Amino acid sequence: MGGRLQGASDGQTYDILSPATGEVIGRAAAADLTDVELAVTHAQEAFPEWASRTAYERETIIRRATQHA
């Protein structure tokens, strides 16, 4: 949020399981209501700038982000 990765405010996580094997393949932040409200606030603040970009600019940003995931 706000241009950076952020875990849950209380530090809680949950396992991500492979549907094929049931094996733990990752962990994710277990967001609570406070985390969700903060994420929504950041999204609302970022939207005007995002909406002003061309489709090409948005595509470039999304492609770069997926390369780092």
Protein backbone atom coordinates (compact mmCIF):
# COMPACT_ATOMS: atom_id res chain seq x y z
CA MET A 1 0.00 0.00 0.00
CA GLY A 2 1.21 3.45 -0.73
CA GLY A 3 3.74 2.00 -3.14
CA ARG A 4 5.15 -0.65 -0.80
CA LEU A 5 4.41 -4.16 0.38
CA GLN A 6 2.84 -4.30 3.80
CA GLY A 7 1.90 -7.16 6.08
CA ALA A 8 -1.10 -7.32 8.38
CA SER A 9 -1.04 -4.71 11.15
CA ASP A 10 -1.08 -7.45 13.79
CA GLY A 11 1.52 -9.57 11.98
CA GLN A 12 -0.86 -12.48 11.42
CA THR A 13 -0.43 -14.67 8.33
CA TYR A 14 -2.04 -17.74 6.83
CA ASP A 15 -0.73 -20.57 4.68
CA ILE A 16 -1.44 -20.72 0.96
CA LEU A 17 -2.02 -24.32 -0.07
CA SER A 18 -1.62 -25.98 -3.44
CA PRO A 19 -5.06 -27.21 -4.49
CA ALA A 20 -3.41 -30.17 -6.22
CA THR A 21 -1.29 -31.43 -3.33
CA GLY A 22 -2.36 -29.59 -0.19
CA GLU A 23 1.30 -28.57 0.24
CA VAL A 24 2.05 -25.14 1.72
CA ILE A 25 3.36 -23.05 -1.18
CA GLY A 26 3.36 -19.61 0.43
CA ARG A 27 2.17 -17.30 3.16
CA ALA A 28 -0.07 -14.24 3.00
CA ALA A 29 -0.99 -11.47 5.39
CA ALA A 30 -4.23 -12.10 7.29
CA ALA A 31 -5.72 -8.63 6.95
CA ASP A 32 -8.28 -7.38 9.42
CA LEU A 33 -10.84 -4.58 9.05
CA THR A 34 -8.26 -1.90 9.88
CA ASP A 35 -5.94 -3.22 7.16
CA VAL A 36 -8.75 -3.29 4.61
CA GLU A 37 -9.84 0.26 5.45
CA LEU A 38 -6.24 1.47 5.06
CA ALA A 39 -5.95 -0.30 1.69
CA VAL A 40 -9.19 1.28 0.47
CA THR A 41 -7.99 4.74 1.57
CA HIS A 42 -4.70 4.29 -0.33
CA ALA A 43 -6.57 3.07 -3.42
CA GLN A 44 -8.92 6.06 -3.35
CA GLU A 45 -5.97 8.45 -3.03
CA ALA A 46 -4.10 6.80 -5.93
CA PHE A 47 -7.06 6.55 -8.30
CA PRO A 48 -7.04 10.07 -9.81
CA GLU A 49 -3.43 9.73 -10.94
CA TRP A 50 -4.02 6.17 -12.22
CA ALA A 51 -7.15 7.23 -14.12
CA SER A 52 -5.27 10.08 -15.81
CA ARG A 53 -2.76 7.66 -17.38
CA THR A 54 -3.23 6.25 -20.85
CA ALA A 55 -4.07 2.58 -21.33
CA TYR A 56 -0.53 2.04 -22.64
CA GLU A 57 1.01 3.60 -19.51
CA ARG A 58 -1.18 1.46 -17.23
CA GLU A 59 -0.27 -1.66 -19.20
CA THR A 60 3.45 -0.88 -18.84
CA ILE A 61 3.12 -0.40 -15.09
CA ILE A 62 1.17 -3.64 -14.65
CA ARG A 63 3.65 -5.62 -16.77
CA ARG A 64 6.58 -4.30 -14.73
CA ALA A 65 4.83 -5.16 -11.49
CA THR A 66 4.15 -8.74 -12.59
CA GLN A 67 7.81 -9.22 -13.50
CA HIS A 68 8.78 -8.46 -9.88
CA ALA A 69 6.15 -10.68 -8.29
